[in-house]
Amino acid sequence: MHKKSLLLAAIVGAFAMLYLPARFVLAFEIFGKPVKSMTYQWLGPTPRDAEGCIVGLREINAWECEDQSVFERHAYGCELWLRFFGYADR
């Protein structure tokens, strides 16, 4: 019985470790342009299916919609992405 509990805990732990990164990858174009808000704050990578809110500038995209919930839901992933690609202060 103890081995089954450990196996179940390992499966649940592995699922939890993969769930958040998978959600992030499905929500954003991880190799796309970075996005800045209208107040010049870095938000994260370009969300998928956000054509109505994005204005393409040379090397970055500007976010024109008031709703920034996609970035808020994935705040930790966006922060890591910005740091990895060198857009956030370290």
Protein backbone atom coordinates (compact mmCIF):
# COMPACT_ATOMS: atom_id res chain seq x y z
CA MET A 1 0.00 0.00 0.00
CA HIS A 2 2.87 2.39 0.77
CA LYS A 3 4.42 1.90 -2.71
CA LYS A 4 1.12 2.76 -4.39
CA SER A 5 0.89 5.99 -2.41
CA LEU A 6 4.42 6.97 -3.42
CA LEU A 7 3.70 6.18 -7.05
CA LEU A 8 0.51 8.23 -6.99
CA ALA A 9 2.34 11.14 -5.34
CA ALA A 10 5.07 10.96 -8.00
CA ILE A 11 2.51 10.98 -10.81
CA VAL A 12 0.64 13.95 -9.32
CA GLY A 13 3.92 15.80 -8.77
CA ALA A 14 5.09 15.19 -12.34
CA PHE A 15 1.74 16.36 -13.71
CA ALA A 16 1.90 19.54 -11.62
CA MET A 17 5.45 20.29 -12.79
CA LEU A 18 4.44 19.94 -16.45
CA TYR A 19 1.02 21.61 -16.29
CA LEU A 20 2.07 25.25 -15.80
CA PRO A 21 4.84 25.26 -18.45
CA ALA A 22 2.49 23.56 -20.92
CA ARG A 23 -0.22 26.19 -20.27
CA PHE A 24 2.35 28.94 -20.83
CA VAL A 25 3.57 27.47 -24.13
CA LEU A 26 0.01 27.07 -25.38
CA ALA A 27 -0.91 30.65 -24.43
CA PHE A 28 2.12 32.47 -25.92
CA GLU A 29 4.38 32.50 -28.93
CA ILE A 30 7.50 31.71 -26.91
CA PHE A 31 9.86 32.56 -29.78
CA GLY A 32 7.89 35.65 -30.80
CA LYS A 33 8.42 39.31 -30.13
CA PRO A 34 8.21 40.77 -26.63
CA VAL A 35 5.21 42.91 -25.71
CA LYS A 36 5.19 46.29 -23.98
CA SER A 37 2.13 47.95 -22.50
CA MET A 38 1.09 51.47 -23.45
CA THR A 39 2.88 52.63 -20.27
CA TYR A 40 6.12 51.12 -21.60
CA GLN A 41 6.15 48.25 -19.13
CA TRP A 42 7.32 44.84 -20.37
CA LEU A 43 4.47 42.33 -20.25
CA GLY A 44 5.88 39.14 -21.74
CA PRO A 45 5.91 37.28 -25.05
CA THR A 46 3.22 37.80 -27.68
CA PRO A 47 0.03 35.91 -26.79
CA ARG A 48 -1.42 33.61 -29.42
CA ASP A 49 -4.59 34.90 -31.13
CA ALA A 50 -4.10 38.49 -29.91
CA GLU A 51 -4.13 40.24 -33.29
CA GLY A 52 -6.72 42.80 -32.20
CA CYS A 53 -4.60 43.95 -29.26
CA ILE A 54 -1.14 43.94 -30.85
CA VAL A 55 0.51 46.69 -32.85
CA GLY A 56 3.77 45.58 -34.37
CA LEU A 57 6.69 47.90 -33.91
CA ARG A 58 10.10 47.07 -35.32
CA GLU A 59 11.52 44.66 -32.78
CA ILE A 60 8.65 44.58 -30.27
CA ASN A 61 4.86 44.52 -30.09
CA ALA A 62 2.73 47.09 -28.27
CA TRP A 63 -0.34 45.95 -26.32
CA GLU A 64 -3.31 48.25 -26.94
CA CYS A 65 -6.10 46.46 -25.06
CA GLU A 66 -7.02 47.27 -21.48
CA ASP A 67 -7.45 43.59 -20.64
CA GLN A 68 -4.01 42.26 -19.69
CA SER A 69 -5.35 39.19 -17.89
CA VAL A 70 -3.42 36.74 -20.07
CA PHE A 71 -0.19 38.25 -18.77
CA GLU A 72 -1.50 38.33 -15.20
CA ARG A 73 -2.53 34.66 -15.31
CA HIS A 74 0.97 33.72 -16.44
CA ALA A 75 2.93 36.36 -14.50
CA TYR A 76 5.65 33.99 -13.30
CA GLY A 77 6.19 32.50 -16.77
CA CYS A 78 6.23 35.95 -18.37
CA GLU A 79 8.79 37.17 -15.86
CA LEU A 80 11.02 34.16 -16.52
CA TRP A 81 10.64 34.61 -20.29
CA LEU A 82 11.54 38.32 -20.10
CA ARG A 83 14.61 37.57 -17.99
CA PHE A 84 15.73 34.68 -20.21
CA PHE A 85 15.57 36.80 -23.35
CA GLY A 86 17.14 39.83 -21.65
CA TYR A 87 14.19 42.22 -21.58
CA ALA A 88 13.73 42.48 -17.81
CA ASP A 89 16.04 43.96 -15.23
CA ARG A 90 17.84 41.25 -13.32
